[in-house]
Amino acid sequence: VVTTTRYVTSGGAIVFASGTIHWAQGLGTQETGIVPPDPYIAQITYNIFSDMGVQPATPVSSIILDGSNIPDPPLPTNRLKTVGSVNGPKISHLHATSDDVSATIEWDTDVDSKGQIWYGTQSDHIIDAGTPEPGYSTAHKLVLPDLMPGQTYYFKVASVNRDWGQTISDGGSFVTSNGSITQRLRNAVVPIARQSACWVRGNTTGAILMAMSCAAIIFLVVIVVILLRYRRLIVQPVP
C-alpha cells in the first residue's frame, strides 16, 4: 500500500483513499490467480463502508457484521506477500529499433509479466511513460509513437509479474533518424494545429476570430488569383 488515508471533510463527508490497485486485487480477481477475496482486506473494506453507513446486501459468512469477538480468520500464508519477499522478473535481450518518428522496444522475461517503457531525452530525467502492455507474456514488444526526428532518447523498462514482483531494467538509448522534408514539416505543424484546435474548442470568441481569419485569407487568395488572370489578359498581345 503506497498511501492510505481516511478523513472527514468540513462538510461532514467521510473520505477513504488508497493509492494502490492491490487493494482491489485483494478483494478477488482472476488476473493474479486470486479467486476468493483476502479475508483481511474484505473485513477492512466492510468496516470502511460500515463507518459510512453502508451495509452489504449479501455479506459472505466470514465477514464480522456486529463487532462481536469472533476469532480472526486463518492467515492465508500461501498467498501472503511481504515487501521485498517477491523476486521480480528477469529482463533480457533488451533492444530498440527506430525510424524518424517512432521506436520499437523488445525484450524477454523469464516468467509471465507485464511491462511499460519510461523514456526521455535526458539520461537522468526519464519521466515520459509509454502505454503499458495489456496482458502477461514472456516475449514483449512495445512501440513509442510521436517522437521527434534526429533526437537521442533514453529509456528503461519496468516489468511486474503475477506475484507483483517488480524489476526495472538497465538504461538503453536510441536515435531517431532525421526523416524527409515533408515529415519534418508535418512534425512541426501537427503539434501547433492540435494546440490551436484545443484552444478553439474551449474559446467561443477564439473560434469566431479563427473562422473570420480563415475567410479573410481565402478571400485575399481569390482576389490575387483574379488580378493575376486579369493582368495576363491585359498584357497579352492583340493578334
Foldseek 3Di string as FASTA:
>chain_A
DPDWDWDADPVGQIDIDDDDCVLVVQCADPQLPGHHHNLVSVQVVQVSVVVRVDHDPDDDPSHDDPPDPDDHDDHPVVLDDDPPPDAFWDKDPWDWDAAFFKIKIKIFTPAWKKKKKFKDQDQVDGHDTDDIDPGTDGIDMDMDGGHHGQGKMKMWMWIAHSSRHIDIGDMDIDHYHRDDPVVNVCSVVVVVVVVLVVVCVVDVVSVVVVVVVVVVVVVVVVVVVVVVVVVCVVPPDDD
